[in-house]
Amino acid sequence: MPSWLFTKIVSPVTGLLKQGLSPPKLAMVIALGITLSVFPVIGTTTGLCAVVALLFRLNLPAIQVANYAAFPLQIMLFFPFLEIGEAVSGNSLGTISEDTLVSAFNAGFIEAIQELAGYLLLACLGWAIATVPLFFILYFIMKPLLQKYGAAVLPATPSGS
């Protein structure tokens, strides 16, 4: 990698992402970013992650990187969340394809919400049920990995952070 690229781009960005984060805090931010990124309503997760990061004083760039990195999971997990929501509520709206979901959002956010409201509500119910277990699974996977391997890439942080 050219030294100018590392000096001008890579180093400042990694410093910003890790700023003030110990491995356990970074694990929490990454797990939270991924958990929020799979919220079933396409186009809402950037704002959702920003609000949560600002509300809880978390590292905003780090949570957004986790959010964007996990974006493909948002569409893939829509259907399992929908199934969970249908099972819990006892409602079934029939099948919906991934193409129908994506094309509805491509037509416009408001139009998609109107057209898919029932599906979105059931998927949001499924997401709400899966959120806590998903967060803790991700956190408890990320924490030991970052504690073991993060020391090589994370800067030293003051005690208590």
Protein backbone atom coordinates (compact mmCIF):
# COMPACT_ATOMS: atom_id res chain seq x y z
CA MET A 1 0.00 0.00 0.00
CA PRO A 2 1.42 3.41 -0.89
CA SER A 3 2.57 5.34 2.18
CA TRP A 4 0.50 8.41 1.23
CA LEU A 5 -2.67 6.29 1.17
CA PHE A 6 -1.96 4.94 4.64
CA THR A 7 -0.99 8.36 6.01
CA LYS A 8 -3.83 10.36 4.46
CA ILE A 9 -6.73 7.90 4.54
CA VAL A 10 -6.26 4.57 6.34
CA SER A 11 -4.63 5.86 9.53
CA PRO A 12 -7.06 8.75 10.16
CA VAL A 13 -10.11 6.58 9.45
CA THR A 14 -8.99 3.72 11.71
CA GLY A 15 -8.11 6.24 14.42
CA LEU A 16 -11.58 7.75 14.17
CA LEU A 17 -13.25 4.35 14.33
CA LYS A 18 -11.31 3.25 17.38
CA GLN A 19 -11.23 6.58 19.18
CA GLY A 20 -11.73 6.05 22.89
CA LEU A 21 -12.84 2.44 22.56
CA SER A 22 -11.58 -0.49 24.57
CA PRO A 23 -12.09 -3.93 22.99
CA PRO A 24 -15.27 -4.59 25.06
CA LYS A 25 -16.77 -1.21 24.07
CA LEU A 26 -15.85 -1.75 20.43
CA ALA A 27 -17.48 -5.20 20.59
CA MET A 28 -20.62 -3.59 22.00
CA VAL A 29 -20.71 -0.90 19.30
CA ILE A 30 -20.18 -3.45 16.50
CA ALA A 31 -22.82 -5.83 17.92
CA LEU A 32 -25.27 -2.97 18.33
CA GLY A 33 -24.57 -1.65 14.81
CA ILE A 34 -25.19 -5.06 13.28
CA THR A 35 -28.30 -5.68 15.39
CA LEU A 36 -29.79 -2.34 14.39
CA SER A 37 -28.73 -2.74 10.75
CA VAL A 38 -31.04 -5.71 10.27
CA PHE A 39 -34.14 -3.72 11.26
CA PRO A 40 -36.59 -4.81 8.54
CA VAL A 41 -37.52 -1.36 7.19
CA ILE A 42 -35.06 -0.52 4.42
CA GLY A 43 -33.79 3.04 4.55
CA THR A 44 -34.14 3.57 8.29
CA THR A 45 -31.06 2.01 9.84
CA THR A 46 -28.62 4.88 9.29
CA GLY A 47 -30.88 7.20 11.25
CA LEU A 48 -31.65 4.54 13.83
CA CYS A 49 -27.93 3.87 14.43
CA ALA A 50 -27.18 7.60 14.60
CA VAL A 51 -29.92 8.23 17.18
CA VAL A 52 -28.79 5.31 19.34
CA ALA A 53 -25.12 6.33 19.08
CA LEU A 54 -25.87 9.94 20.03
CA LEU A 55 -28.30 8.98 22.77
CA PHE A 56 -25.86 6.58 24.45
CA ARG A 57 -22.68 8.51 23.50
CA LEU A 58 -21.29 5.69 21.39
CA ASN A 59 -18.71 5.95 18.61
CA LEU A 60 -20.85 7.17 15.69
CA PRO A 61 -18.44 6.24 12.86
CA ALA A 62 -17.90 2.73 14.26
CA ILE A 63 -21.62 1.99 14.61
CA GLN A 64 -22.25 3.25 11.06
CA VAL A 65 -19.43 1.10 9.63
CA ALA A 66 -20.98 -1.95 11.32
CA ASN A 67 -24.40 -0.86 10.03
CA TYR A 68 -23.24 -0.53 6.41
CA ALA A 69 -21.14 -3.70 6.52
CA ALA A 70 -24.17 -5.72 7.62
CA PHE A 71 -26.60 -4.19 5.10
CA PRO A 72 -26.97 -7.39 3.01
CA LEU A 73 -28.21 -9.15 6.12
CA GLN A 74 -31.14 -6.72 6.32
CA ILE A 75 -32.77 -8.20 3.23
CA MET A 76 -31.74 -11.78 3.99
CA LEU A 77 -33.15 -11.65 7.54
CA PHE A 78 -36.40 -9.93 6.55
CA PHE A 79 -37.98 -13.30 5.78
CA PRO A 80 -36.95 -15.11 9.00
CA PHE A 81 -38.14 -12.08 10.99
CA LEU A 82 -41.42 -12.17 9.04
CA GLU A 83 -41.84 -15.86 9.89
CA ILE A 84 -41.17 -15.18 13.58
CA GLY A 85 -43.70 -12.32 13.53
CA GLU A 86 -46.29 -14.50 11.79
CA ALA A 87 -45.74 -17.37 14.24
CA VAL A 88 -46.01 -15.15 17.32
CA SER A 89 -49.01 -13.16 16.10
CA GLY A 90 -50.83 -16.03 14.45
CA ASN A 91 -51.26 -13.89 11.30
CA SER A 92 -50.13 -14.97 7.87
CA LEU A 93 -50.17 -12.59 4.93
CA GLY A 94 -49.07 -15.05 2.30
CA THR A 95 -45.73 -15.29 0.59
CA ILE A 96 -43.72 -12.32 -0.61
CA SER A 97 -40.62 -12.56 -2.76
CA GLU A 98 -37.33 -10.75 -2.30
CA ASP A 99 -37.85 -9.12 -5.71
CA THR A 100 -41.25 -7.77 -4.62
CA LEU A 101 -39.72 -6.37 -1.44
CA VAL A 102 -36.81 -4.67 -3.22
CA SER A 103 -38.93 -3.33 -6.10
CA ALA A 104 -41.43 -1.85 -3.64
CA PHE A 105 -38.66 0.12 -1.95
CA ASN A 106 -37.17 1.10 -5.31
CA ALA A 107 -40.53 2.67 -6.17
CA GLY A 108 -40.23 4.94 -3.14
CA PHE A 109 -40.09 4.75 0.63
CA ILE A 110 -43.63 5.97 1.32
CA GLU A 111 -45.12 3.77 -1.41
CA ALA A 112 -43.28 0.73 -0.06
CA ILE A 113 -44.48 1.38 3.48
CA GLN A 114 -48.07 1.66 2.26
CA GLU A 115 -47.86 -1.42 0.04
CA LEU A 116 -45.98 -3.62 2.51
CA ALA A 117 -47.29 -2.31 5.86
CA GLY A 118 -48.61 -5.64 7.10
CA TYR A 119 -45.45 -7.52 6.15
CA LEU A 120 -43.25 -4.82 7.68
CA LEU A 121 -45.17 -4.82 10.97
CA LEU A 122 -44.88 -8.59 11.30
CA ALA A 123 -41.18 -8.51 10.36
CA CYS A 124 -40.60 -5.72 12.90
CA LEU A 125 -42.29 -7.87 15.54
CA GLY A 126 -39.97 -10.75 14.64
CA TRP A 127 -36.97 -8.41 14.74
CA ALA A 128 -38.00 -7.07 18.16
CA ILE A 129 -38.18 -10.61 19.52
CA ALA A 130 -34.80 -11.58 18.01
CA THR A 131 -32.98 -8.33 18.90
CA VAL A 132 -31.80 -9.10 22.43
CA PRO A 133 -30.54 -12.63 21.70
CA LEU A 134 -28.93 -11.44 18.46
CA PHE A 135 -27.12 -8.59 20.23
CA PHE A 136 -25.78 -10.81 23.01
CA ILE A 137 -24.65 -13.55 20.61
CA LEU A 138 -22.77 -11.00 18.51
CA TYR A 139 -21.31 -9.27 21.56
CA PHE A 140 -20.07 -12.47 23.18
CA ILE A 141 -18.49 -13.57 19.90
CA MET A 142 -16.86 -10.19 19.20
CA LYS A 143 -15.59 -9.41 22.72
CA PRO A 144 -13.06 -12.25 23.09
CA LEU A 145 -11.95 -11.86 19.47
CA LEU A 146 -11.26 -8.16 19.94
CA GLN A 147 -9.60 -8.73 23.29
CA LYS A 148 -7.31 -11.35 21.78
CA TYR A 149 -6.59 -9.82 18.38
CA GLY A 150 -7.58 -6.21 18.98
CA ALA A 151 -4.51 -5.46 21.10
CA ALA A 152 -2.44 -5.58 17.93
CA VAL A 153 -4.62 -2.99 16.14
CA LEU A 154 -6.29 -0.94 18.88
CA PRO A 155 -4.41 1.93 20.47
CA ALA A 156 -3.95 1.94 24.21
CA THR A 157 -6.91 3.53 25.97
CA PRO A 158 -6.96 5.16 29.39
CA SER A 159 -8.24 2.94 32.18
CA GLY A 160 -12.00 3.07 32.68
CA SER A 161 -12.86 3.34 29.00
